C-alpha atoms as a PDB file:
ATOM      1  CA  MET A   1     -16.546  -3.681  13.937  1.00  0.00           C
ATOM      2  CA  CYS A   2     -20.283  -4.307  13.571  1.00  0.00           C
ATOM      3  CA  ILE A   3     -19.726  -5.318   9.941  1.00  0.00           C
ATOM      4  CA  ALA A   4     -16.898  -7.662  10.888  1.00  0.00           C
ATOM      5  CA  LEU A   5     -19.022  -9.324  13.560  1.00  0.00           C
ATOM      6  CA  TRP A   6     -22.042  -9.631  11.281  1.00  0.00           C
ATOM      7  CA  TYR A   7     -20.070 -11.510   8.617  1.00  0.00           C
ATOM      8  CA  ALA A   8     -17.872 -13.451  11.053  1.00  0.00           C
ATOM      9  CA  PRO A   9     -19.660 -16.797  10.388  1.00  0.00           C
ATOM     10  CA  CYS A  10     -18.354 -16.583   6.812  1.00  0.00           C
ATOM     11  CA  LEU A  11     -14.811 -16.971   8.138  1.00  0.00           C
ATOM     12  CA  TRP A  12     -15.509 -20.594   8.984  1.00  0.00           C
ATOM     13  CA  SER A  13     -17.273 -21.371   5.719  1.00  0.00           C
ATOM     14  CA  LYS A  14     -15.603 -22.577   2.536  1.00  0.00           C
ATOM     15  CA  LYS A  15     -18.486 -21.267   0.437  1.00  0.00           C
ATOM     16  CA  HIS A  16     -18.135 -17.535   1.045  1.00  0.00           C
ATOM     17  CA  HIS A  17     -14.651 -16.615  -0.214  1.00  0.00           C
ATOM     18  CA  ALA A  18     -15.975 -13.676  -2.280  1.00  0.00           C
ATOM     19  CA  THR A  19     -17.847 -12.299   0.729  1.00  0.00           C
ATOM     20  CA  LYS A  20     -14.812 -12.608   2.991  1.00  0.00           C
ATOM     21  CA  ALA A  21     -12.676 -10.783   0.441  1.00  0.00           C
ATOM     22  CA  LYS A  22     -15.167  -7.907   0.219  1.00  0.00           C
ATOM     23  CA  ILE A  23     -15.273  -7.151   3.949  1.00  0.00           C
ATOM     24  CA  PRO A  24     -11.972  -5.211   4.106  1.00  0.00           C
ATOM     25  CA  LEU A  25     -13.069  -3.308   0.984  1.00  0.00           C
ATOM     26  CA  LEU A  26     -16.368  -2.342   2.612  1.00  0.00           C
ATOM     27  CA  TRP A  27     -14.735  -1.501   5.942  1.00  0.00           C
ATOM     28  CA  THR A  28     -12.147   0.790   4.336  1.00  0.00           C
ATOM     29  CA  LYS A  29     -14.828   2.509   2.249  1.00  0.00           C
ATOM     30  CA  ILE A  30     -16.815   3.304   5.383  1.00  0.00           C
ATOM     31  CA  ALA A  31     -13.653   4.535   7.138  1.00  0.00           C
ATOM     32  CA  LEU A  32     -12.846   6.920   4.259  1.00  0.00           C
ATOM     33  CA  THR A  33     -16.434   8.190   4.169  1.00  0.00           C
ATOM     34  CA  LEU A  34     -16.451   8.894   7.913  1.00  0.00           C
ATOM     35  CA  GLN A  35     -13.094  10.653   7.690  1.00  0.00           C
ATOM     36  CA  LYS A  36     -14.410  12.857   4.904  1.00  0.00           C
ATOM     37  CA  HIS A  37     -17.712  13.857   6.487  1.00  0.00           C
ATOM     38  CA  ILE A  38     -16.742  13.951  10.174  1.00  0.00           C
ATOM     39  CA  LEU A  39     -13.050  14.858  10.170  1.00  0.00           C
ATOM     40  CA  ASP A  40     -13.047  16.786   6.863  1.00  0.00           C
ATOM     41  CA  LEU A  41     -10.134  14.623   5.718  1.00  0.00           C
ATOM     42  CA  ASP A  42     -10.275  13.855   2.014  1.00  0.00           C
ATOM     43  CA  TYR A  43      -7.780  12.935  -0.693  1.00  0.00           C
ATOM     44  CA  GLU A  44      -6.906  13.532  -4.320  1.00  0.00           C
ATOM     45  CA  VAL A  45      -4.868  11.434  -6.733  1.00  0.00           C
ATOM     46  CA  ARG A  46      -2.677  12.624  -9.601  1.00  0.00           C
ATOM     47  CA  THR A  47      -1.126  10.526 -12.354  1.00  0.00           C
ATOM     48  CA  HIS A  48       1.378  11.520 -15.030  1.00  0.00           C
ATOM     49  CA  THR A  49       0.420   8.895 -17.588  1.00  0.00           C
ATOM     50  CA  PRO A  50      -2.638   6.671 -18.073  1.00  0.00           C
ATOM     51  CA  LEU A  51      -2.348   3.776 -15.645  1.00  0.00           C
ATOM     52  CA  PRO A  52      -2.115   0.235 -17.010  1.00  0.00           C
ATOM     53  CA  GLN A  53      -5.303  -1.727 -16.394  1.00  0.00           C
ATOM     54  CA  GLY A  54      -3.637  -4.441 -14.336  1.00  0.00           C
ATOM     55  CA  GLY A  55      -0.519  -6.383 -13.598  1.00  0.00           C
ATOM     56  CA  VAL A  56       1.354  -3.478 -11.994  1.00  0.00           C
ATOM     57  CA  VAL A  57       3.544  -3.308  -8.899  1.00  0.00           C
ATOM     58  CA  TYR A  58       3.067  -0.046  -6.964  1.00  0.00           C
ATOM     59  CA  ALA A  59       5.979   0.960  -4.704  1.00  0.00           C
ATOM     60  CA  VAL A  60       4.300   3.270  -2.191  1.00  0.00           C
ATOM     61  CA  LYS A  61       5.692   5.754   0.315  1.00  0.00           C
ATOM     62  CA  HIS A  62       4.575   4.723   3.806  1.00  0.00           C
ATOM     63  CA  GLN A  63       3.937   7.570   6.283  1.00  0.00           C
ATOM     64  CA  SER A  64       0.668   6.610   7.902  1.00  0.00           C
ATOM     65  CA  ALA A  65      -2.039   4.039   8.462  1.00  0.00           C
ATOM     66  CA  TRP A  66      -4.097   6.171   6.057  1.00  0.00           C
ATOM     67  CA  GLU A  67      -2.674   4.612   2.885  1.00  0.00           C
ATOM     68  CA  THR A  68      -3.390   1.095   4.112  1.00  0.00           C
ATOM     69  CA  ILE A  69      -7.046   2.158   4.056  1.00  0.00           C
ATOM     70  CA  ALA A  70      -7.213   4.417   0.992  1.00  0.00           C
ATOM     71  CA  LEU A  71      -5.178   2.300  -1.409  1.00  0.00           C
ATOM     72  CA  TRP A  72      -7.977  -0.264  -1.469  1.00  0.00           C
ATOM     73  CA  HIS A  73      -9.916   2.345  -3.479  1.00  0.00           C
ATOM     74  CA  ILE A  74      -7.133   4.186  -5.296  1.00  0.00           C
ATOM     75  CA  ILE A  75      -5.670   1.055  -6.894  1.00  0.00           C
ATOM     76  CA  ASP A  76      -7.908  -1.429  -8.654  1.00  0.00           C
ATOM     77  CA  ARG A  77      -8.130  -4.887  -7.012  1.00  0.00           C
ATOM     78  CA  PRO A  78      -4.989  -4.458  -4.908  1.00  0.00           C
ATOM     79  CA  VAL A  79      -2.970  -7.281  -3.422  1.00  0.00           C
ATOM     80  CA  PHE A  80      -0.917  -6.039  -0.457  1.00  0.00           C
ATOM     81  CA  VAL A  81       2.469  -7.346   0.582  1.00  0.00           C
ATOM     82  CA  LEU A  82       2.088  -7.117   4.344  1.00  0.00           C
ATOM     83  CA  LYS A  83       3.833  -8.288   7.479  1.00  0.00           C
ATOM     84  CA  LYS A  84       2.533 -11.494   8.963  1.00  0.00           C
ATOM     85  CA  GLU A  85       1.901  -9.831  12.337  1.00  0.00           C
ATOM     86  CA  LEU A  86      -1.123  -8.015  10.877  1.00  0.00           C
ATOM     87  CA  LEU A  87      -2.938 -11.322  10.618  1.00  0.00           C
ATOM     88  CA  SER A  88      -2.956 -11.433  14.433  1.00  0.00           C
ATOM     89  CA  ILE A  89      -5.264  -8.391  14.683  1.00  0.00           C
ATOM     90  CA  PRO A  90      -8.500  -9.704  16.196  1.00  0.00           C
ATOM     91  CA  LEU A  91     -11.174 -10.368  13.593  1.00  0.00           C
ATOM     92  CA  PHE A  92      -9.846  -7.943  10.940  1.00  0.00           C
ATOM     93  CA  GLY A  93      -6.688 -10.040  10.676  1.00  0.00           C
ATOM     94  CA  ALA A  94      -8.851 -13.064   9.973  1.00  0.00           C
ATOM     95  CA  TYR A  95     -10.479 -11.244   7.068  1.00  0.00           C
ATOM     96  CA  LEU A  96      -7.051 -10.268   5.736  1.00  0.00           C
ATOM     97  CA  ALA A  97      -5.984 -13.899   5.915  1.00  0.00           C
ATOM     98  CA  ALA A  98      -9.107 -14.890   3.983  1.00  0.00           C
ATOM     99  CA  SER A  99      -8.396 -12.300   1.263  1.00  0.00           C
ATOM    100  CA  ASP A 100      -5.810 -12.319  -1.513  1.00  0.00           C
ATOM    101  CA  HIS A 101      -2.747 -10.823   0.118  1.00  0.00           C
ATOM    102  CA  ILE A 102       0.888 -11.767   0.587  1.00  0.00           C
ATOM    103  CA  ALA A 103       1.779 -12.115   4.271  1.00  0.00           C
ATOM    104  CA  ILE A 104       5.488 -12.481   4.983  1.00  0.00           C
ATOM    105  CA  ASP A 105       7.571 -13.324   8.016  1.00  0.00           C
ATOM    106  CA  ARG A 106      10.354 -10.755   7.889  1.00  0.00           C
ATOM    107  CA  THR A 107      12.621 -12.957   9.994  1.00  0.00           C
ATOM    108  CA  ASP A 108      12.808 -15.506   7.157  1.00  0.00           C
ATOM    109  CA  GLY A 109      15.317 -13.439   5.149  1.00  0.00           C
ATOM    110  CA  ILE A 110      15.931 -14.792   1.646  1.00  0.00           C
ATOM    111  CA  LYS A 111      13.091 -17.298   2.050  1.00  0.00           C
ATOM    112  CA  ALA A 112      10.640 -14.406   2.511  1.00  0.00           C
ATOM    113  CA  ILE A 113      11.969 -12.692  -0.635  1.00  0.00           C
ATOM    114  CA  GLN A 114      11.534 -15.881  -2.645  1.00  0.00           C
ATOM    115  CA  GLN A 115       8.003 -16.217  -1.299  1.00  0.00           C
ATOM    116  CA  ILE A 116       7.186 -12.639  -2.302  1.00  0.00           C
ATOM    117  CA  ASN A 117       8.525 -13.095  -5.835  1.00  0.00           C
ATOM    118  CA  THR A 118       6.586 -16.322  -6.364  1.00  0.00           C
ATOM    119  CA  GLN A 119       3.292 -14.920  -5.116  1.00  0.00           C
ATOM    120  CA  VAL A 120       3.681 -11.547  -6.834  1.00  0.00           C
ATOM    121  CA  ALA A 121       4.301 -13.351 -10.146  1.00  0.00           C
ATOM    122  CA  HIS A 122       1.134 -15.382  -9.540  1.00  0.00           C
ATOM    123  CA  PHE A 123      -1.057 -12.321  -8.967  1.00  0.00           C
ATOM    124  CA  LEU A 124       0.469 -10.270 -11.788  1.00  0.00           C
ATOM    125  CA  ALA A 125      -0.284 -13.136 -14.168  1.00  0.00           C
ATOM    126  CA  GLN A 126      -3.926 -12.845 -13.108  1.00  0.00           C
ATOM    127  CA  GLY A 127      -3.929  -9.124 -13.937  1.00  0.00           C
ATOM    128  CA  ARG A 128      -3.993  -8.071 -10.284  1.00  0.00           C
ATOM    129  CA  ASN A 129      -2.109  -5.033  -8.961  1.00  0.00           C
ATOM    130  CA  VAL A 130       0.397  -5.498  -6.139  1.00  0.00           C
ATOM    131  CA  VAL A 131       1.110  -2.871  -3.458  1.00  0.00           C
ATOM    132  CA  MET A 132       4.489  -2.851  -1.747  1.00  0.00           C
ATOM    133  CA  PHE A 133       5.974  -0.467   0.819  1.00  0.00           C
ATOM    134  CA  PRO A 134       9.714  -0.449   0.009  1.00  0.00           C
ATOM    135  CA  GLU A 135      10.558   1.142   3.363  1.00  0.00           C
ATOM    136  CA  GLY A 136       9.039  -1.850   5.122  1.00  0.00           C
ATOM    137  CA  THR A 137       7.419   0.272   7.826  1.00  0.00           C
ATOM    138  CA  ARG A 138       5.934   3.712   8.396  1.00  0.00           C
ATOM    139  CA  THR A 139       8.323   6.652   8.589  1.00  0.00           C
ATOM    140  CA  SER A 140       7.636  10.103   9.993  1.00  0.00           C
ATOM    141  CA  VAL A 141       7.448  13.165   7.755  1.00  0.00           C
ATOM    142  CA  GLY A 142      10.974  14.354   7.001  1.00  0.00           C
ATOM    143  CA  GLU A 143      12.623  11.196   8.319  1.00  0.00           C
ATOM    144  CA  ASP A 144      15.332   9.678   6.131  1.00  0.00           C
ATOM    145  CA  SER A 145      14.379   6.061   5.664  1.00  0.00           C
ATOM    146  CA  ARG A 146      16.265   3.077   4.296  1.00  0.00           C
ATOM    147  CA  TYR A 147      14.606   1.327   1.369  1.00  0.00           C
ATOM    148  CA  LYS A 148      14.718  -2.450   1.613  1.00  0.00           C
ATOM    149  CA  SER A 149      16.488  -4.358  -1.172  1.00  0.00           C
ATOM    150  CA  GLY A 150      13.607  -6.831  -1.628  1.00  0.00           C
ATOM    151  CA  ILE A 151      11.909  -4.590  -4.166  1.00  0.00           C
ATOM    152  CA  ALA A 152      15.081  -4.453  -6.287  1.00  0.00           C
ATOM    153  CA  LEU A 153      15.328  -8.238  -6.235  1.00  0.00           C
ATOM    154  CA  LEU A 154      11.696  -8.459  -7.356  1.00  0.00           C
ATOM    155  CA  TYR A 155      12.339  -5.882 -10.111  1.00  0.00           C
ATOM    156  CA  HIS A 156      15.195  -7.987 -11.505  1.00  0.00           C
ATOM    157  CA  ALA A 157      13.482 -11.351 -11.067  1.00  0.00           C
ATOM    158  CA  LEU A 158      10.126 -10.444 -12.635  1.00  0.00           C
ATOM    159  CA  SER A 159      10.725  -7.271 -14.715  1.00  0.00           C
ATOM    160  CA  PRO A 160       7.237  -5.986 -13.816  1.00  0.00           C
ATOM    161  CA  THR A 161       5.668  -2.663 -14.659  1.00  0.00           C
ATOM    162  CA  LEU A 162       6.587  -0.824 -11.454  1.00  0.00           C
ATOM    163  CA  CYS A 163       5.189   2.587 -10.558  1.00  0.00           C
ATOM    164  CA  PRO A 164       6.553   4.684  -7.652  1.00  0.00           C
ATOM    165  CA  VAL A 165       3.898   6.397  -5.513  1.00  0.00           C
ATOM    166  CA  ALA A 166       4.479   9.492  -3.359  1.00  0.00           C
ATOM    167  CA  LEU A 167       2.091  10.986  -0.796  1.00  0.00           C
ATOM    168  CA  ASN A 168       1.822  13.327   2.191  1.00  0.00           C
ATOM    169  CA  SER A 169      -0.550  11.405   4.461  1.00  0.00           C
ATOM    170  CA  GLY A 170       1.765  11.857   7.456  1.00  0.00           C
ATOM    171  CA  CYS A 171       0.918  15.562   7.503  1.00  0.00           C
ATOM    172  CA  PHE A 172      -2.637  14.670   8.509  1.00  0.00           C
ATOM    173  CA  TRP A 173      -2.316  11.348  10.328  1.00  0.00           C
ATOM    174  CA  SER A 174       1.163  10.906  11.672  1.00  0.00           C
ATOM    175  CA  ARG A 175       2.878   7.669  12.538  1.00  0.00           C
ATOM    176  CA  ASN A 176       1.395   5.898  15.593  1.00  0.00           C
ATOM    177  CA  ALA A 177      -1.018   8.805  16.207  1.00  0.00           C
ATOM    178  CA  TRP A 178      -4.750   8.548  16.825  1.00  0.00           C
ATOM    179  CA  VAL A 179      -5.513  12.227  16.171  1.00  0.00           C
ATOM    180  CA  ARG A 180      -6.138  13.131  12.547  1.00  0.00           C
ATOM    181  CA  LYS A 181      -6.134  16.614  11.009  1.00  0.00           C
ATOM    182  CA  ALA A 182      -8.540  18.023   8.465  1.00  0.00           C
ATOM    183  CA  GLY A 183      -7.227  18.576   4.964  1.00  0.00           C
ATOM    184  CA  THR A 184      -6.561  16.834   1.677  1.00  0.00           C
ATOM    185  CA  VAL A 185      -4.051  14.028   1.380  1.00  0.00           C
ATOM    186  CA  GLU A 186      -2.295  14.158  -1.978  1.00  0.00           C
ATOM    187  CA  VAL A 187      -1.243  10.975  -3.726  1.00  0.00           C
ATOM    188  CA  GLU A 188       0.941  11.121  -6.827  1.00  0.00           C
ATOM    189  CA  ILE A 189       1.425   8.035  -8.989  1.00  0.00           C
ATOM    190  CA  LEU A 190       4.630   8.485 -10.974  1.00  0.00           C
ATOM    191  CA  PRO A 191       5.474   6.987 -14.386  1.00  0.00           C
ATOM    192  CA  PRO A 192       6.732   3.388 -14.467  1.00  0.00           C
ATOM    193  CA  MET A 193      10.391   2.775 -13.741  1.00  0.00           C
ATOM    194  CA  PRO A 194      12.522   2.013 -16.810  1.00  0.00           C
ATOM    195  CA  SER A 195      13.566  -1.592 -17.281  1.00  0.00           C
ATOM    196  CA  GLY A 196      17.110  -2.919 -17.224  1.00  0.00           C
ATOM    197  CA  LEU A 197      18.573  -0.830 -14.396  1.00  0.00           C
ATOM    198  CA  ASP A 198      21.170  -2.457 -12.184  1.00  0.00           C
ATOM    199  CA  LYS A 199      20.378  -2.802  -8.486  1.00  0.00           C
ATOM    200  CA  GLN A 200      22.133   0.356  -7.319  1.00  0.00           C
ATOM    201  CA  ALA A 201      20.718   2.515 -10.109  1.00  0.00           C
ATOM    202  CA  PHE A 202      17.230   1.148  -9.529  1.00  0.00           C
ATOM    203  CA  MET A 203      17.296   1.724  -5.769  1.00  0.00           C
ATOM    204  CA  ARG A 204      18.765   5.191  -6.153  1.00  0.00           C
ATOM    205  CA  SER A 205      16.225   6.240  -8.804  1.00  0.00           C
ATOM    206  CA  LEU A 206      13.259   4.741  -6.929  1.00  0.00           C
ATOM    207  CA  LYS A 207      14.149   6.512  -3.694  1.00  0.00           C
ATOM    208  CA  GLU A 208      14.930   9.825  -5.384  1.00  0.00           C
ATOM    209  CA  GLN A 209      11.607   9.836  -7.233  1.00  0.00           C
ATOM    210  CA  ILE A 210       9.482   8.868  -4.240  1.00  0.00           C
ATOM    211  CA  GLU A 211      11.280  11.042  -1.690  1.00  0.00           C
ATOM    212  CA  GLY A 212      11.650  14.039  -4.016  1.00  0.00           C
ATOM    213  CA  THR A 213       7.958  14.091  -4.910  1.00  0.00           C
ATOM    214  CA  THR A 214       6.942  13.381  -1.305  1.00  0.00           C
ATOM    215  CA  THR A 215       8.959  16.408  -0.143  1.00  0.00           C
ATOM    216  CA  GLN A 216       7.064  18.579  -2.636  1.00  0.00           C
ATOM    217  CA  LEU A 217       3.704  17.199  -1.494  1.00  0.00           C
ATOM    218  CA  VAL A 218       4.570  17.746   2.179  1.00  0.00           C
ATOM    219  CA  GLU A 219       5.535  21.342   1.448  1.00  0.00           C
ATOM    220  CA  HIS A 220       2.296  21.823  -0.488  1.00  0.00           C
ATOM    221  CA  ALA A 221       0.310  20.510   2.487  1.00  0.00           C
ATOM    222  CA  ARG A 222       2.041  23.003   4.771  1.00  0.00           C
ATOM    223  CA  LEU A 223       1.336  25.885   2.396  1.00  0.00           C
ATOM    224  CA  ARG A 224      -2.310  24.851   2.175  1.00  0.00           C
ATOM    225  CA  SER A 225      -2.677  24.777   5.944  1.00  0.00           C
END
């Protein structure tokens, strides 16, 4: 909060876009450092293949607020697809609005999907990486969630390199909880999805990969504890 207040004058200046964009990055770095040294909550990342340098869509399992913090540092120069309501968070929402992210109004239906596709194409062309949560909201550990069709429509419209991402963050910081547990969050970035799948095959494969690997990571967290 002190950092956000210190740089707040930049929000009303047209000359400090780079500074405004760096504030969330700095804030999340401090949050991860405090979690590690005070709460003993750390993380590790595994990949199956070398990651492309840019222009990738990451479809991420969403169990906790943790990944909205850590992904800033796991994925290079991320652009988040986020719900418009987050921009209403006092001060921090203003920094999000000043950064390169894609804020959508989920009540807009097909218009929101078209907006996502247009903006994702723009950022991918710049070599940026885009983070999407195909569930649309956080789900508790073990909860069967419905994956939204927007990611399939994007897959067919843009044919991007799209990597599923599984994790077990909910084992340490559960949905809507303030209390966090010590341990190591595991994040697993899976190989890119094959191109040319029809909608049903794509959605089925994406969910099976993310949920199957997430189940393994959750079980591993329980065995570790």
